[in-house]
C-alpha atoms as a PDB file:
ATOM      1  CA  MET A   1      -0.026   0.043   0.083  1.00  0.00           C
ATOM      2  CA  LEU A   2       1.307   3.405  -0.866  1.00  0.00           C
ATOM      3  CA  ASP A   3       1.984   5.928   1.768  1.00  0.00           C
ATOM      4  CA  SER A   4      -0.634   8.790   2.295  1.00  0.00           C
ATOM      5  CA  LYS A   5       1.943  11.379   2.734  1.00  0.00           C
ATOM      6  CA  LEU A   6       3.299  10.152  -0.732  1.00  0.00           C
ATOM      7  CA  LEU A   7      -0.122  10.318  -2.362  1.00  0.00           C
ATOM      8  CA  ASP A   8      -0.710  13.837  -0.922  1.00  0.00           C
ATOM      9  CA  GLN A   9       2.668  14.894  -2.737  1.00  0.00           C
ATOM     10  CA  VAL A  10       1.651  13.243  -6.133  1.00  0.00           C
ATOM     11  CA  LEU A  11      -1.970  13.683  -6.654  1.00  0.00           C
ATOM     12  CA  PRO A  12      -1.977  17.627  -6.920  1.00  0.00           C
ATOM     13  CA  THR A  13       0.569  16.899  -9.743  1.00  0.00           C
ATOM     14  CA  ILE A  14      -1.110  13.822 -11.440  1.00  0.00           C
ATOM     15  CA  LYS A  15      -4.546  15.851 -11.298  1.00  0.00           C
ATOM     16  CA  THR A  16      -3.155  18.305 -13.702  1.00  0.00           C
ATOM     17  CA  LEU A  17      -1.996  15.876 -16.309  1.00  0.00           C
ATOM     18  CA  SER A  18      -4.708  15.172 -19.263  1.00  0.00           C
ATOM     19  CA  PRO A  19      -5.795  11.348 -19.728  1.00  0.00           C
ATOM     20  CA  ILE A  20      -3.076  10.434 -22.241  1.00  0.00           C
ATOM     21  CA  GLU A  21      -0.563  11.951 -20.369  1.00  0.00           C
ATOM     22  CA  ARG A  22      -1.538   9.770 -17.102  1.00  0.00           C
ATOM     23  CA  LEU A  23      -1.672   7.011 -19.104  1.00  0.00           C
ATOM     24  CA  GLU A  24       1.771   7.457 -20.229  1.00  0.00           C
ATOM     25  CA  LEU A  25       2.809   7.897 -16.524  1.00  0.00           C
ATOM     26  CA  ILE A  26       1.317   4.666 -15.862  1.00  0.00           C
ATOM     27  CA  LYS A  27       3.165   3.017 -18.981  1.00  0.00           C
ATOM     28  CA  THR A  28       6.431   4.130 -17.657  1.00  0.00           C
ATOM     29  CA  ILE A  29       5.787   3.160 -13.910  1.00  0.00           C
ATOM     30  CA  VAL A  30       4.920  -0.282 -15.265  1.00  0.00           C
ATOM     31  CA  SER A  31       7.824  -0.517 -17.502  1.00  0.00           C
ATOM     32  CA  ILE A  32      10.453   0.535 -14.793  1.00  0.00           C
ATOM     33  CA  ASP A  33      11.413  -3.238 -14.067  1.00  0.00           C
ATOM     34  CA  GLU A  34      11.191  -4.669 -17.705  1.00  0.00           C
ATOM     35  CA  PRO A  35      14.805  -4.261 -18.471  1.00  0.00           C
ATOM     36  CA  GLN A  36      15.697  -6.129 -15.526  1.00  0.00           C
ATOM     37  CA  SER A  37      13.394  -9.093 -16.087  1.00  0.00           C
ATOM     38  CA  GLN A  38      14.915  -8.991 -19.742  1.00  0.00           C
ATOM     39  CA  ASN A  39      18.393  -8.924 -18.520  1.00  0.00           C
ATOM     40  CA  ILE A  40      17.577 -11.947 -16.047  1.00  0.00           C
ATOM     41  CA  GLU A  41      16.200 -13.850 -19.133  1.00  0.00           C
ATOM     42  CA  SER A  42      18.984 -13.093 -21.228  1.00  0.00           C
ATOM     43  CA  THR A  43      21.417 -14.299 -18.232  1.00  0.00           C
ATOM     44  CA  GLU A  44      19.484 -17.322 -17.908  1.00  0.00           C
ATOM     45  CA  ASN A  45      19.616 -17.885 -22.080  1.00  0.00           C
ATOM     46  CA  ALA A  46      23.453 -17.524 -21.664  1.00  0.00           C
ATOM     47  CA  TRP A  47      23.908 -19.784 -18.958  1.00  0.00           C
ATOM     48  CA  ASN A  48      21.942 -22.305 -20.419  1.00  0.00           C
ATOM     49  CA  GLN A  49      23.761 -22.160 -23.844  1.00  0.00           C
ATOM     50  CA  ALA A  50      27.067 -22.568 -21.889  1.00  0.00           C
ATOM     51  CA  ILE A  51      26.173 -25.672 -20.240  1.00  0.00           C
ATOM     52  CA  GLN A  52      24.976 -27.156 -23.581  1.00  0.00           C
ATOM     53  CA  ALA A  53      28.198 -26.165 -24.967  1.00  0.00           C
ATOM     54  CA  GLU A  54      30.035 -28.011 -22.201  1.00  0.00           C
ATOM     55  CA  ALA A  55      27.776 -31.161 -22.568  1.00  0.00           C
ATOM     56  CA  GLU A  56      28.314 -31.081 -26.170  1.00  0.00           C
ATOM     57  CA  VAL A  57      32.321 -31.229 -25.517  1.00  0.00           C
ATOM     58  CA  TRP A  58      31.974 -33.855 -22.859  1.00  0.00           C
ATOM     59  CA  GLN A  59      29.716 -35.974 -25.395  1.00  0.00           C
ATOM     60  CA  ALA A  60      32.396 -35.527 -28.277  1.00  0.00           C
ATOM     61  CA  LYS A  61      35.192 -36.877 -25.976  1.00  0.00           C
ATOM     62  CA  SER A  62      36.056 -40.295 -26.523  1.00  0.00           C
ATOM     63  CA  LEU A  63      35.277 -43.709 -24.416  1.00  0.00           C
ATOM     64  CA  ALA A  64      38.815 -43.690 -23.828  1.00  0.00           C
ATOM     65  CA  GLU A  65      38.844 -40.087 -22.561  1.00  0.00           C
ATOM     66  CA  ARG A  66      35.856 -40.879 -20.076  1.00  0.00           C
ATOM     67  CA  ALA A  67      37.376 -44.207 -19.016  1.00  0.00           C
ATOM     68  CA  PRO A  68      38.934 -43.206 -15.905  1.00  0.00           C
ATOM     69  CA  TYR A  69      35.828 -41.245 -14.832  1.00  0.00           C
ATOM     70  CA  LEU A  70      33.444 -44.058 -15.192  1.00  0.00           C
ATOM     71  CA  GLY A  71      30.943 -44.827 -12.342  1.00  0.00           C
ATOM     72  CA  ARG A  72      31.343 -40.846 -11.262  1.00  0.00           C
ATOM     73  CA  TYR A  73      30.167 -37.578 -11.534  1.00  0.00           C
ATOM     74  CA  VAL A  74      32.325 -35.060 -13.701  1.00  0.00           C
ATOM     75  CA  ALA A  75      32.315 -31.478 -13.750  1.00  0.00           C
ATOM     76  CA  VAL A  76      33.135 -30.035 -16.857  1.00  0.00           C
ATOM     77  CA  PHE A  77      34.188 -26.112 -17.371  1.00  0.00           C
ATOM     78  CA  GLU A  78      35.755 -24.513 -20.532  1.00  0.00           C
ATOM     79  CA  GLY A  79      35.943 -28.233 -21.995  1.00  0.00           C
ATOM     80  CA  ASN A  80      37.965 -29.625 -19.400  1.00  0.00           C
ATOM     81  CA  VAL A  81      37.059 -31.723 -16.201  1.00  0.00           C
ATOM     82  CA  ILE A  82      37.928 -29.607 -13.335  1.00  0.00           C
ATOM     83  CA  ASP A  83      36.725 -32.517 -10.736  1.00  0.00           C
ATOM     84  CA  PHE A  84      34.981 -35.619 -10.301  1.00  0.00           C
ATOM     85  CA  ASP A  85      33.305 -37.367  -7.566  1.00  0.00           C
ATOM     86  CA  GLU A  86      31.143 -40.392  -6.836  1.00  0.00           C
ATOM     87  CA  SER A  87      28.790 -38.359  -4.393  1.00  0.00           C
ATOM     88  CA  LEU A  88      26.843 -35.696  -6.532  1.00  0.00           C
ATOM     89  CA  ARG A  89      26.397 -33.465  -3.776  1.00  0.00           C
ATOM     90  CA  ALA A  90      29.994 -33.380  -2.637  1.00  0.00           C
ATOM     91  CA  LEU A  91      31.077 -32.451  -6.204  1.00  0.00           C
ATOM     92  CA  TYR A  92      28.299 -29.852  -6.544  1.00  0.00           C
ATOM     93  CA  LEU A  93      29.166 -28.123  -3.526  1.00  0.00           C
ATOM     94  CA  ARG A  94      33.004 -28.130  -4.424  1.00  0.00           C
ATOM     95  CA  VAL A  95      32.294 -26.354  -7.874  1.00  0.00           C
ATOM     96  CA  ARG A  96      30.005 -24.186  -6.434  1.00  0.00           C
ATOM     97  CA  MET A  97      32.683 -22.984  -3.889  1.00  0.00           C
ATOM     98  CA  GLN A  98      35.221 -22.643  -6.562  1.00  0.00           C
ATOM     99  CA  TYR A  99      33.147 -21.563  -9.529  1.00  0.00           C
ATOM    100  CA  PRO A 100      30.101 -19.463  -7.799  1.00  0.00           C
ATOM    101  CA  ASN A 101      28.886 -17.870 -10.850  1.00  0.00           C
ATOM    102  CA  LYS A 102      30.270 -19.942 -13.852  1.00  0.00           C
ATOM    103  CA  PRO A 103      28.127 -22.333 -15.768  1.00  0.00           C
ATOM    104  CA  VAL A 104      29.851 -25.595 -15.109  1.00  0.00           C
ATOM    105  CA  LEU A 105      28.286 -28.805 -16.375  1.00  0.00           C
ATOM    106  CA  ILE A 106      28.206 -31.565 -13.850  1.00  0.00           C
ATOM    107  CA  THR A 107      27.109 -35.144 -15.246  1.00  0.00           C
ATOM    108  CA  LYS A 108      27.472 -38.529 -15.075  1.00  0.00           C
ATOM    109  CA  ALA A 109      30.629 -39.764 -16.687  1.00  0.00           C
ATOM    110  CA  GLU A 110      28.647 -42.633 -18.531  1.00  0.00           C
ATOM    111  CA  THR A 111      26.516 -39.718 -20.243  1.00  0.00           C
ATOM    112  CA  THR A 112      26.280 -40.048 -24.031  1.00  0.00           C
ATOM    113  CA  VAL A 113      24.345 -37.771 -26.428  1.00  0.00           C
ATOM    114  CA  PRO A 114      20.676 -38.020 -25.481  1.00  0.00           C
ATOM    115  CA  ARG A 115      18.432 -40.253 -27.526  1.00  0.00           C
ATOM    116  CA  GLU A 116      16.022 -38.882 -29.813  1.00  0.00           C
ATOM    117  CA  PHE A 117      12.810 -39.914 -30.160  1.00  0.00           C
ATOM    118  CA  SER A 118      10.269 -39.736 -33.203  1.00  0.00           C
ATOM    119  CA  VAL A 119       6.651 -39.039 -32.349  1.00  0.00           C
ATOM    120  CA  LEU A 120       4.595 -40.741 -35.101  1.00  0.00           C
ATOM    121  CA  SER A 121       1.072 -39.327 -35.104  1.00  0.00           C
ATOM    122  CA  PRO A 122      -2.097 -40.382 -36.873  1.00  0.00           C
ATOM    123  CA  ARG A 123      -3.367 -37.901 -39.205  1.00  0.00           C
ATOM    124  CA  PHE A 124      -7.106 -37.709 -39.230  1.00  0.00           C
ATOM    125  CA  GLU A 125      -8.879 -36.494 -42.156  1.00  0.00           C
ATOM    126  CA  HIS A 126     -12.644 -34.972 -42.141  1.00  0.00           C
ATOM    127  CA  LEU A 127     -14.476 -37.530 -44.445  1.00  0.00           C
ATOM    128  CA  SER A 128     -17.482 -35.273 -45.739  1.00  0.00           C
ATOM    129  CA  ARG A 129     -20.935 -36.884 -46.376  1.00  0.00           C
END
């Protein structure tokens, strides 16, 4: 709820505005937070793209390169395995301490390219009588 003192200060000015000016004021007030939310979305997109890139690098490694880590979780950053552990939680906590605001892929060492599925759908046609 708005403070009554603030309303007492603002209302005399607002009353002098035309309906169009009031609408513009409302639009301006509403859009104050938009750039910030767009920034969060772009940051999330960049983060997801970085994780996807790390996953592609990991999946492109040969079985020989992944063999020492089998049965464990690995943390991949900038194309390199930076840490590994049998415990996902322990690995996650270490990685977050060392790389607090960096997109680091944490995955099972056995992970390969995700399988692709094709979904076939019957096509229905309308029969006119």
